[in-house]
């Protein structure tokens, strides 16, 4: 049977040397102990007891660190970590093994896709995804940013669907330069739907895809529980929607600066795709598929 501990781990230098007057060895300075990490599998001898075994683990008990050694018969015994051990005939001071405390890279991106670690961002494609405004762009970046960099997709702001037809005419979409457009409040009969339909009639079929969500603003795509609401409240037509939301939340609501700070607070509450409504998730995924096909 293979002996993983070797034939004689206790063997050291001879205690008697021929040629000396009395046959005994000259006294020599005891070698200094060197630090040795107690890695699992390391075979050591505890000097005082002569116990020889392989390191099983290092553990903490009673306020001190212990090293657990297993002998050739499978029996284990614990000893205080530190000096008093020999390895390969040399004195050592056992220390706790160094373990990496760096967190493991996430297996999934914020969108739920399989994460690709170490990949450089792809050179941008000719195709684009357009969103209506800054808040839309920031939310898409936070959840889908990693995926978009791997795919080489650039997200650009359209500054409102009113500019869609002119922007398409300037861009010149083609089968190699597709455009995916995410529109707020894209519901039948709405102004946004009419503008989108008119813009699509000016381009070659299959080169532009316009999709939207039913919300008044992309804020509503964030699950209301993330900001402490049971549901996003209805705001009177005479009140600017975002200002009305801030008042409902009890947050400062005196102007654009307060709106900007509130959005950053809402955006910070989004951890990943699970904090968004499925009506937005499906539309963005479909647009990414369209421009990368």
Protein backbone atom coordinates (compact mmCIF):
# COMPACT_ATOMS: atom_id res chain seq x y z
CA UNK A 1 0.00 0.00 0.00
CA UNK A 2 1.33 3.44 -0.89
CA UNK A 3 2.52 5.34 2.20
CA UNK A 4 1.81 9.04 1.66
CA UNK A 5 3.87 9.93 4.74
CA UNK A 6 7.15 8.40 3.51
CA UNK A 7 9.23 5.67 5.07
CA UNK A 8 10.80 7.55 7.96
CA UNK A 9 9.79 11.15 8.56
CA UNK A 10 11.62 11.10 11.92
CA UNK A 11 14.99 10.49 10.32
CA UNK A 12 17.43 13.32 11.07
CA UNK A 13 21.18 13.76 11.09
CA UNK A 14 23.15 10.96 12.83
CA UNK A 15 23.62 11.41 16.57
CA UNK A 16 27.16 9.99 16.43
CA UNK A 17 29.92 10.81 14.00
CA UNK A 18 32.93 8.57 13.39
CA UNK A 19 36.34 10.15 13.82
CA UNK A 20 35.57 12.30 16.83
CA UNK A 21 37.41 11.58 20.10
CA UNK A 22 34.37 10.17 21.90
CA UNK A 23 32.33 9.21 18.89
CA UNK A 24 29.76 11.96 19.53
CA UNK A 25 28.83 14.72 17.15
CA UNK A 26 30.02 18.26 17.68
CA UNK A 27 27.31 20.51 19.08
CA UNK A 28 25.74 22.58 16.36
CA UNK A 29 23.53 25.64 16.53
CA UNK A 30 19.90 24.69 16.24
CA UNK A 31 18.53 25.97 12.94
CA UNK A 32 15.97 28.76 13.16
CA UNK A 33 12.35 27.98 12.38
CA UNK A 34 11.02 29.24 9.09
CA UNK A 35 7.40 30.18 8.47
CA UNK A 36 5.38 27.47 6.74
CA UNK A 37 1.75 27.81 5.67
CA UNK A 38 -0.32 24.91 6.99
CA UNK A 39 -1.72 23.92 3.63
CA UNK A 40 -3.94 20.81 3.54
CA UNK A 41 -1.88 17.69 2.79
CA UNK A 42 1.39 19.04 4.20
CA UNK A 43 3.08 16.32 6.32
CA UNK A 44 4.51 17.62 9.61
CA UNK A 45 5.82 16.31 12.93
CA UNK A 46 4.83 17.87 16.23
CA UNK A 47 8.12 17.93 18.17
CA UNK A 48 6.96 17.43 21.76
CA UNK A 49 4.69 14.44 21.12
CA UNK A 50 6.31 13.03 17.98
CA UNK A 51 2.89 12.96 16.30
CA UNK A 52 3.28 12.81 12.54
CA UNK A 53 0.44 13.54 10.20
CA UNK A 54 -0.90 15.44 7.26
CA UNK A 55 -2.60 18.79 7.72
CA UNK A 56 -6.35 18.41 7.42
CA UNK A 57 -7.40 21.95 8.22
CA UNK A 58 -6.77 25.00 10.38
CA UNK A 59 -9.58 26.00 12.71
CA UNK A 60 -10.27 28.43 15.52
CA UNK A 61 -11.29 27.08 18.93
CA UNK A 62 -11.25 28.70 22.36
CA UNK A 63 -9.81 31.91 20.99
CA UNK A 64 -6.78 30.23 19.39
CA UNK A 65 -5.93 28.73 16.01
CA UNK A 66 -5.38 24.99 15.86
CA UNK A 67 -3.95 22.79 13.14
CA UNK A 68 -5.59 19.37 12.75
CA UNK A 69 -3.21 16.55 11.74
CA UNK A 70 -4.24 13.10 10.48
CA UNK A 71 -1.84 10.18 10.93
CA UNK A 72 -1.43 7.18 8.66
CA UNK A 73 -4.16 5.28 10.52
CA UNK A 74 -6.73 8.02 9.92
CA UNK A 75 -6.66 9.34 13.49
CA UNK A 76 -6.66 13.11 13.97
CA UNK A 77 -5.21 15.35 16.64
CA UNK A 78 -5.16 19.12 17.09
CA UNK A 79 -2.18 21.27 18.05
CA UNK A 80 -1.78 25.02 18.57
CA UNK A 81 -0.68 26.76 15.39
CA UNK A 82 2.83 28.24 15.59
CA UNK A 83 6.35 26.93 16.34
CA UNK A 84 7.19 23.39 17.45
CA UNK A 85 6.86 21.50 14.18
CA UNK A 86 9.22 19.89 11.71
CA UNK A 87 8.87 19.53 7.95
CA UNK A 88 11.40 17.46 6.02
CA UNK A 89 13.75 17.46 9.02
CA UNK A 90 13.69 21.24 9.41
CA UNK A 91 11.97 23.27 12.15
CA UNK A 92 9.04 25.38 11.00
CA UNK A 93 6.49 27.74 12.47
CA UNK A 94 3.10 26.82 11.05
CA UNK A 95 0.96 29.74 9.92
CA UNK A 96 -2.61 29.90 8.70
CA UNK A 97 -2.86 29.32 4.94
CA UNK A 98 -3.50 32.42 2.88
CA UNK A 99 -6.95 32.41 1.34
CA UNK A 100 -8.16 34.85 -1.28
CA UNK A 101 -10.83 37.17 0.05
CA UNK A 102 -11.59 38.67 -3.33
CA UNK A 103 -15.24 38.05 -4.20
CA UNK A 104 -15.87 35.70 -7.07
CA UNK A 105 -16.90 37.53 -10.23
CA UNK A 106 -20.65 37.37 -10.80
CA UNK A 107 -21.88 34.53 -12.97
CA UNK A 108 -24.69 36.69 -14.38
CA UNK A 109 -24.96 40.26 -15.57
CA UNK A 110 -27.57 42.64 -14.18
CA UNK A 111 -29.83 41.66 -17.09
CA UNK A 112 -29.61 37.97 -16.16
CA UNK A 113 -27.33 37.01 -19.06
CA UNK A 114 -24.30 34.76 -18.58
CA UNK A 115 -21.40 37.04 -17.65
CA UNK A 116 -18.37 37.12 -19.96
CA UNK A 117 -15.33 37.89 -17.79
CA UNK A 118 -12.15 39.36 -19.19
CA UNK A 119 -13.63 40.16 -22.59
CA UNK A 120 -12.80 43.54 -24.09
CA UNK A 121 -15.62 45.74 -25.34
CA UNK A 122 -16.43 44.98 -28.94
CA UNK A 123 -15.90 47.65 -31.58
CA UNK A 124 -19.21 49.44 -32.01
CA UNK A 125 -21.57 48.11 -34.65
CA UNK A 126 -23.14 50.34 -37.23
CA UNK A 127 -26.54 49.59 -35.70
CA UNK A 128 -27.88 51.66 -32.81
CA UNK A 129 -30.50 51.64 -30.08
CA UNK A 130 -32.23 54.95 -29.54
CA UNK A 131 -34.04 55.95 -26.36
CA UNK A 132 -36.04 59.08 -25.70
CA UNK A 133 -34.04 60.68 -22.92
CA UNK A 134 -31.27 60.61 -20.34
CA UNK A 135 -33.18 58.62 -17.71
CA UNK A 136 -34.02 55.90 -20.23
CA UNK A 137 -30.37 55.71 -21.31
CA UNK A 138 -29.09 55.48 -17.73
CA UNK A 139 -31.52 52.70 -16.83
CA UNK A 140 -30.64 50.69 -19.94
CA UNK A 141 -26.93 51.14 -19.20
CA UNK A 142 -27.29 50.00 -15.60
CA UNK A 143 -29.14 46.78 -16.41
CA UNK A 144 -27.92 45.92 -19.93
CA UNK A 145 -24.58 47.77 -20.10
CA UNK A 146 -22.37 44.67 -19.83
CA UNK A 147 -24.36 42.88 -22.54
CA UNK A 148 -24.27 45.87 -24.86
CA UNK A 149 -20.49 46.24 -24.59
CA UNK A 150 -19.98 42.58 -25.42
CA UNK A 151 -22.28 42.94 -28.43
CA UNK A 152 -20.82 46.29 -29.54
CA UNK A 153 -24.17 48.11 -29.36
CA UNK A 154 -24.27 51.86 -28.69
CA UNK A 155 -27.29 53.47 -26.99
CA UNK A 156 -28.03 57.05 -28.04
CA UNK A 157 -30.57 59.62 -26.86
CA UNK A 158 -33.26 60.70 -29.29
CA UNK A 159 -34.55 63.65 -27.21
CA UNK A 160 -38.18 62.78 -27.82
CA UNK A 161 -40.08 60.76 -30.40
CA UNK A 162 -41.06 64.02 -32.15
CA UNK A 163 -37.58 63.98 -33.72
CA UNK A 164 -37.72 60.37 -34.89
CA UNK A 165 -38.43 60.93 -38.57
CA UNK A 166 -35.71 63.55 -38.95
CA UNK A 167 -33.19 61.45 -37.03
CA UNK A 168 -33.88 58.42 -39.26
CA UNK A 169 -33.48 60.49 -42.39
CA UNK A 170 -30.09 61.70 -41.19
CA UNK A 171 -28.92 58.25 -40.03
CA UNK A 172 -29.95 56.37 -43.17
CA UNK A 173 -30.80 52.92 -41.77
CA UNK A 174 -29.98 49.84 -43.86
CA UNK A 175 -29.82 46.07 -43.30
CA UNK A 176 -26.25 46.58 -42.02
CA UNK A 177 -27.13 49.70 -40.00
CA UNK A 178 -30.31 48.93 -38.16
CA UNK A 179 -32.03 51.13 -35.59
CA UNK A 180 -34.01 49.93 -32.58
CA UNK A 181 -36.13 52.61 -30.91
CA UNK A 182 -37.53 52.50 -27.37
CA UNK A 183 -40.47 54.88 -26.95
CA UNK A 184 -42.25 55.97 -23.76
CA UNK A 185 -46.05 55.63 -23.56
CA UNK A 186 -46.38 53.77 -26.85
CA UNK A 187 -50.06 52.79 -26.69
CA UNK A 188 -52.74 52.64 -29.43
CA UNK A 189 -54.16 56.07 -30.27
CA UNK A 190 -51.46 58.01 -28.46
CA UNK A 191 -49.46 60.78 -30.13
CA UNK A 192 -46.32 58.66 -29.76
CA UNK A 193 -47.87 55.83 -31.78
CA UNK A 194 -48.87 58.17 -34.62
CA UNK A 195 -45.39 59.71 -34.78
CA UNK A 196 -43.74 56.29 -34.79
CA UNK A 197 -46.01 55.00 -37.57
CA UNK A 198 -45.30 58.07 -39.69
CA UNK A 199 -41.53 57.71 -39.24
CA UNK A 200 -41.57 54.01 -40.17
CA UNK A 201 -43.21 54.82 -43.51
CA UNK A 202 -40.10 56.78 -44.49
CA UNK A 203 -37.58 53.91 -44.15
CA UNK A 204 -36.92 50.57 -45.78
CA UNK A 205 -38.91 47.75 -44.11
CA UNK A 206 -36.89 45.62 -41.74
CA UNK A 207 -34.27 48.27 -40.98
CA UNK A 208 -36.01 50.01 -38.06
CA UNK A 209 -37.93 48.51 -35.15
CA UNK A 210 -39.92 50.76 -32.84
CA UNK A 211 -41.05 49.29 -29.54
CA UNK A 212 -42.34 50.93 -26.43
CA UNK A 213 -43.70 50.53 -22.95
CA UNK A 214 -47.06 51.78 -21.65
CA UNK A 215 -45.66 54.01 -18.90
CA UNK A 216 -45.94 57.77 -18.85
CA UNK A 217 -42.23 57.83 -17.97
CA UNK A 218 -39.50 55.21 -17.60
CA UNK A 219 -39.58 55.82 -13.83
CA UNK A 220 -42.65 53.59 -13.78
CA UNK A 221 -40.63 50.69 -15.18
CA UNK A 222 -38.96 50.42 -11.77
CA UNK A 223 -40.99 48.31 -9.39
CA UNK A 224 -42.65 50.78 -6.98
CA UNK A 225 -41.67 48.71 -3.94
CA UNK A 226 -38.04 49.77 -4.56
CA UNK A 227 -38.98 53.32 -3.51
CA UNK A 228 -41.46 52.36 -0.81
CA UNK A 229 -44.68 52.60 -2.82
CA UNK A 230 -47.34 49.88 -3.19
CA UNK A 231 -48.00 51.20 -6.71
CA UNK A 232 -47.09 54.21 -8.82
CA UNK A 233 -49.83 56.76 -8.10
CA UNK A 234 -52.06 58.43 -10.71
CA UNK A 235 -51.19 62.11 -11.13
CA UNK A 236 -53.73 64.76 -12.13
CA UNK A 237 -53.37 66.05 -15.70
CA UNK A 238 -52.79 69.59 -14.45
CA UNK A 239 -49.66 68.53 -12.56
CA UNK A 240 -46.32 67.66 -14.12
CA UNK A 241 -46.06 63.91 -13.66
CA UNK A 242 -42.60 63.74 -12.05
CA UNK A 243 -43.32 66.63 -9.69
CA UNK A 244 -46.54 64.90 -8.66
CA UNK A 245 -44.64 61.67 -7.98
CA UNK A 246 -42.11 63.46 -5.80
CA UNK A 247 -44.90 65.01 -3.75
CA UNK A 248 -46.50 61.60 -3.30
CA UNK A 249 -43.17 60.26 -2.10
CA UNK A 250 -42.64 63.19 0.24
CA UNK A 251 -39.38 64.09 -1.50
CA UNK A 252 -38.27 67.67 -2.41
CA UNK A 253 -40.20 68.75 -5.50
CA UNK A 254 -39.37 72.37 -6.25
CA UNK A 255 -37.82 72.03 -9.71
CA UNK A 256 -35.53 70.21 -12.18
CA UNK A 257 -32.69 69.84 -9.67
CA UNK A 258 -34.98 67.92 -7.30
CA UNK A 259 -36.19 65.77 -10.20
CA UNK A 260 -32.60 64.93 -11.11
CA UNK A 261 -31.68 63.98 -7.56
CA UNK A 262 -34.84 61.90 -7.22
CA UNK A 263 -34.04 59.95 -10.39
CA UNK A 264 -30.55 59.14 -9.15
CA UNK A 265 -32.11 57.85 -5.94
CA UNK A 266 -34.56 55.70 -7.91
CA UNK A 267 -31.82 54.45 -10.24
CA UNK A 268 -29.63 53.50 -7.27
CA UNK A 269 -32.47 51.33 -5.94
CA UNK A 270 -32.34 49.14 -9.07
CA UNK A 271 -30.11 46.12 -8.43
CA UNK A 272 -30.79 44.05 -11.55
CA UNK A 273 -33.53 43.03 -14.01
CA UNK A 274 -35.71 41.69 -11.20
CA UNK A 275 -36.37 45.25 -10.04
CA UNK A 276 -37.91 46.19 -13.41
CA UNK A 277 -41.35 45.54 -14.84
CA UNK A 278 -41.49 42.76 -17.47
CA UNK A 279 -43.11 45.15 -19.95
CA UNK A 280 -39.77 46.99 -20.23
CA UNK A 281 -37.55 43.92 -19.99
CA UNK A 282 -39.08 42.21 -22.99
CA UNK A 283 -38.94 45.32 -25.18
CA UNK A 284 -35.26 46.04 -24.51
CA UNK A 285 -34.25 42.40 -25.07
CA UNK A 286 -36.14 42.39 -28.38
CA UNK A 287 -34.40 45.57 -29.51
CA UNK A 288 -30.96 44.12 -28.67
CA UNK A 289 -31.79 40.99 -30.67
CA UNK A 290 -32.96 43.11 -33.62
CA UNK A 291 -29.83 45.27 -33.91
CA UNK A 292 -27.43 42.33 -33.39
CA UNK A 293 -29.11 39.92 -35.83
